[in-house]
Amino acid sequence: MKPLVQPAARPRPRPEPQYLYLTTMGRRTGLPREIEIWFTRRGGREYLVAETGERAQWVRNLRADPAVRWKVGRTAYEGRARLVDPRREPTLAASVRARSITKYGWGDGLIVELRPAPARPRRG
């Protein structure tokens, strides 16, 4: 009888966190405003979908000041947010929607891209 040979175990990728914590600056108060929101990743950037589009307060805040902070798991980022125009970037918009549908079963709304700021050189 031949011994059973098990293939080498491959490390499983860690599941992506379900939520991202986005901090915008209040457009009226100037105070930081944090929300918990679903997100997807593509090409080193995070993408959010605003179900209520331009009516979402966090979208209004980032339109007034696109400098944002966000946290995924234990990793914190600083960078800029921008609205994705599906007419100008149909491939990106379709990809983000498909990823959101795969992850959450939903993907309708205004797409927002979070782009991390370039790493600063360390002195020392």
C-alpha atoms as a PDB file:
ATOM      1  CA  MET A   1       0.000   0.000   0.000  1.00  0.00           C
ATOM      2  CA  LYS A   2       1.299   3.440  -0.943  1.00  0.00           C
ATOM      3  CA  PRO A   3       1.561   6.008   1.814  1.00  0.00           C
ATOM      4  CA  LEU A   4      -0.601   9.047   1.344  1.00  0.00           C
ATOM      5  CA  VAL A   5       1.437  12.082   0.478  1.00  0.00           C
ATOM      6  CA  GLN A   6      -0.053  15.335   1.545  1.00  0.00           C
ATOM      7  CA  PRO A   7       0.826  18.383  -0.525  1.00  0.00           C
ATOM      8  CA  ALA A   8       2.730  21.051   1.346  1.00  0.00           C
ATOM      9  CA  ALA A   9       0.325  23.281   3.198  1.00  0.00           C
ATOM     10  CA  ARG A  10       0.095  26.717   1.681  1.00  0.00           C
ATOM     11  CA  PRO A  11      -0.366  29.590   4.051  1.00  0.00           C
ATOM     12  CA  ARG A  12      -3.853  30.949   3.682  1.00  0.00           C
ATOM     13  CA  PRO A  13      -4.134  34.640   2.979  1.00  0.00           C
ATOM     14  CA  ARG A  14      -5.535  36.566   5.889  1.00  0.00           C
ATOM     15  CA  PRO A  15      -9.095  37.581   5.330  1.00  0.00           C
ATOM     16  CA  GLU A  16      -9.441  41.235   4.526  1.00  0.00           C
ATOM     17  CA  PRO A  17     -11.053  43.237   7.344  1.00  0.00           C
ATOM     18  CA  GLN A  18     -14.707  44.003   6.764  1.00  0.00           C
ATOM     19  CA  TYR A  19     -14.556  47.654   7.772  1.00  0.00           C
ATOM     20  CA  LEU A  20     -12.377  50.683   7.253  1.00  0.00           C
ATOM     21  CA  TYR A  21     -12.455  53.660   9.638  1.00  0.00           C
ATOM     22  CA  LEU A  22     -12.404  56.924   7.692  1.00  0.00           C
ATOM     23  CA  THR A  23     -11.702  60.297   9.290  1.00  0.00           C
ATOM     24  CA  THR A  24     -12.646  63.454   7.434  1.00  0.00           C
ATOM     25  CA  MET A  25     -12.591  67.022   8.708  1.00  0.00           C
ATOM     26  CA  GLY A  26     -16.034  68.505   9.297  1.00  0.00           C
ATOM     27  CA  ARG A  27     -16.617  71.115   6.626  1.00  0.00           C
ATOM     28  CA  ARG A  28     -18.448  73.406   9.063  1.00  0.00           C
ATOM     29  CA  THR A  29     -16.846  72.616  12.412  1.00  0.00           C
ATOM     30  CA  GLY A  30     -13.304  71.735  11.365  1.00  0.00           C
ATOM     31  CA  LEU A  31     -13.478  68.805  13.787  1.00  0.00           C
ATOM     32  CA  PRO A  32     -12.455  65.273  12.849  1.00  0.00           C
ATOM     33  CA  ARG A  33     -15.388  63.021  11.899  1.00  0.00           C
ATOM     34  CA  GLU A  34     -14.929  59.238  11.861  1.00  0.00           C
ATOM     35  CA  ILE A  35     -17.162  56.673  10.186  1.00  0.00           C
ATOM     36  CA  GLU A  36     -17.035  52.901   9.905  1.00  0.00           C
ATOM     37  CA  ILE A  37     -17.580  51.847   6.291  1.00  0.00           C
ATOM     38  CA  TRP A  38     -17.261  48.880   3.934  1.00  0.00           C
ATOM     39  CA  PHE A  39     -14.334  49.017   1.542  1.00  0.00           C
ATOM     40  CA  THR A  40     -12.456  47.112  -1.131  1.00  0.00           C
ATOM     41  CA  ARG A  41      -8.868  47.228  -2.332  1.00  0.00           C
ATOM     42  CA  ARG A  42      -7.409  47.493  -5.802  1.00  0.00           C
ATOM     43  CA  GLY A  43      -3.883  48.374  -6.830  1.00  0.00           C
ATOM     44  CA  GLY A  44      -2.703  49.539  -3.396  1.00  0.00           C
ATOM     45  CA  ARG A  45      -5.677  51.841  -2.879  1.00  0.00           C
ATOM     46  CA  GLU A  46      -8.889  51.525  -0.930  1.00  0.00           C
ATOM     47  CA  TYR A  47     -12.298  52.200  -2.428  1.00  0.00           C
ATOM     48  CA  LEU A  48     -15.533  53.161  -0.684  1.00  0.00           C
ATOM     49  CA  VAL A  49     -19.049  53.293  -2.069  1.00  0.00           C
ATOM     50  CA  ALA A  50     -21.399  56.030  -0.848  1.00  0.00           C
ATOM     51  CA  GLU A  51     -24.905  54.608  -1.112  1.00  0.00           C
ATOM     52  CA  THR A  52     -26.487  58.067  -0.893  1.00  0.00           C
ATOM     53  CA  GLY A  53     -23.906  59.657  -3.190  1.00  0.00           C
ATOM     54  CA  GLU A  54     -23.287  63.364  -2.769  1.00  0.00           C
ATOM     55  CA  ARG A  55     -25.827  63.544   0.074  1.00  0.00           C
ATOM     56  CA  ALA A  56     -23.538  61.554   2.412  1.00  0.00           C
ATOM     57  CA  GLN A  57     -22.034  63.904   5.001  1.00  0.00           C
ATOM     58  CA  TRP A  58     -18.628  62.221   4.768  1.00  0.00           C
ATOM     59  CA  VAL A  59     -18.621  62.809   0.981  1.00  0.00           C
ATOM     60  CA  ARG A  60     -19.488  66.464   1.521  1.00  0.00           C
ATOM     61  CA  ASN A  61     -16.645  66.713   4.027  1.00  0.00           C
ATOM     62  CA  LEU A  62     -14.026  65.200   1.727  1.00  0.00           C
ATOM     63  CA  ARG A  63     -15.171  67.362  -1.183  1.00  0.00           C
ATOM     64  CA  ALA A  64     -14.462  70.389   1.019  1.00  0.00           C
ATOM     65  CA  ASP A  65     -11.116  68.938   2.188  1.00  0.00           C
ATOM     66  CA  PRO A  66      -9.811  65.814   0.423  1.00  0.00           C
ATOM     67  CA  ALA A  67      -7.049  65.270   3.017  1.00  0.00           C
ATOM     68  CA  VAL A  68      -8.225  62.224   4.986  1.00  0.00           C
ATOM     69  CA  ARG A  69      -7.001  59.566   7.398  1.00  0.00           C
ATOM     70  CA  TRP A  70      -8.135  55.975   7.564  1.00  0.00           C
ATOM     71  CA  LYS A  71      -7.428  52.799   9.419  1.00  0.00           C
ATOM     72  CA  VAL A  72      -7.707  49.204   8.217  1.00  0.00           C
ATOM     73  CA  GLY A  73      -7.153  46.697  10.976  1.00  0.00           C
ATOM     74  CA  ARG A  74      -4.133  47.997  12.878  1.00  0.00           C
ATOM     75  CA  THR A  75      -2.669  49.948   9.965  1.00  0.00           C
ATOM     76  CA  ALA A  76      -3.265  53.699   9.781  1.00  0.00           C
ATOM     77  CA  TYR A  77      -2.945  55.792   6.624  1.00  0.00           C
ATOM     78  CA  GLU A  78      -2.978  59.436   5.610  1.00  0.00           C
ATOM     79  CA  GLY A  79      -3.711  60.562   2.103  1.00  0.00           C
ATOM     80  CA  ARG A  80      -6.248  62.069  -0.228  1.00  0.00           C
ATOM     81  CA  ALA A  81      -9.715  61.088  -1.320  1.00  0.00           C
ATOM     82  CA  ARG A  82     -11.223  61.613  -4.735  1.00  0.00           C
ATOM     83  CA  LEU A  83     -14.500  60.805  -6.422  1.00  0.00           C
ATOM     84  CA  VAL A  84     -14.277  58.298  -9.264  1.00  0.00           C
ATOM     85  CA  ASP A  85     -16.164  59.395 -12.392  1.00  0.00           C
ATOM     86  CA  PRO A  86     -17.531  56.217 -14.005  1.00  0.00           C
ATOM     87  CA  ARG A  87     -17.846  57.971 -17.380  1.00  0.00           C
ATOM     88  CA  ARG A  88     -14.150  58.853 -17.437  1.00  0.00           C
ATOM     89  CA  GLU A  89     -12.915  55.694 -15.702  1.00  0.00           C
ATOM     90  CA  PRO A  90     -15.397  52.948 -16.637  1.00  0.00           C
ATOM     91  CA  THR A  91     -12.920  50.094 -16.137  1.00  0.00           C
ATOM     92  CA  LEU A  92     -11.969  51.246 -12.639  1.00  0.00           C
ATOM     93  CA  ALA A  93     -15.608  51.851 -11.665  1.00  0.00           C
ATOM     94  CA  ALA A  94     -16.691  48.431 -12.954  1.00  0.00           C
ATOM     95  CA  SER A  95     -13.822  46.706 -11.135  1.00  0.00           C
ATOM     96  CA  VAL A  96     -14.586  48.439  -7.824  1.00  0.00           C
ATOM     97  CA  ARG A  97     -18.298  47.641  -8.117  1.00  0.00           C
ATOM     98  CA  ALA A  98     -17.536  43.981  -8.903  1.00  0.00           C
ATOM     99  CA  ARG A  99     -15.188  43.719  -5.916  1.00  0.00           C
ATOM    100  CA  SER A 100     -17.784  45.287  -3.633  1.00  0.00           C
ATOM    101  CA  ILE A 101     -20.498  42.942  -4.898  1.00  0.00           C
ATOM    102  CA  THR A 102     -18.204  39.941  -4.360  1.00  0.00           C
ATOM    103  CA  LYS A 103     -17.256  41.031  -0.831  1.00  0.00           C
ATOM    104  CA  TYR A 104     -20.581  42.433   0.402  1.00  0.00           C
ATOM    105  CA  GLY A 105     -23.271  41.521  -2.130  1.00  0.00           C
ATOM    106  CA  TRP A 106     -23.735  45.203  -2.925  1.00  0.00           C
ATOM    107  CA  GLY A 107     -21.956  47.899  -4.934  1.00  0.00           C
ATOM    108  CA  ASP A 108     -24.305  50.712  -5.984  1.00  0.00           C
ATOM    109  CA  GLY A 109     -23.404  54.303  -5.274  1.00  0.00           C
ATOM    110  CA  LEU A 110     -20.741  56.950  -5.638  1.00  0.00           C
ATOM    111  CA  ILE A 111     -17.218  55.495  -5.652  1.00  0.00           C
ATOM    112  CA  VAL A 112     -14.499  57.199  -3.610  1.00  0.00           C
ATOM    113  CA  GLU A 113     -10.813  56.351  -3.953  1.00  0.00           C
ATOM    114  CA  LEU A 114      -8.420  56.694  -1.014  1.00  0.00           C
ATOM    115  CA  ARG A 115      -4.830  57.208  -2.100  1.00  0.00           C
ATOM    116  CA  PRO A 116      -2.118  56.955   0.560  1.00  0.00           C
ATOM    117  CA  ALA A 117       0.376  59.795   0.752  1.00  0.00           C
ATOM    118  CA  PRO A 118       3.901  58.896  -0.367  1.00  0.00           C
ATOM    119  CA  ALA A 119       6.080  57.592   2.440  1.00  0.00           C
ATOM    120  CA  ARG A 120       8.240  60.275   3.969  1.00  0.00           C
ATOM    121  CA  PRO A 121      11.980  59.644   4.146  1.00  0.00           C
ATOM    122  CA  ARG A 122      13.137  58.902   7.670  1.00  0.00           C
ATOM    123  CA  ARG A 123      15.963  60.902   9.149  1.00  0.00           C
ATOM    124  CA  GLY A 124      18.273  59.374  11.556  1.00  0.00           C
END
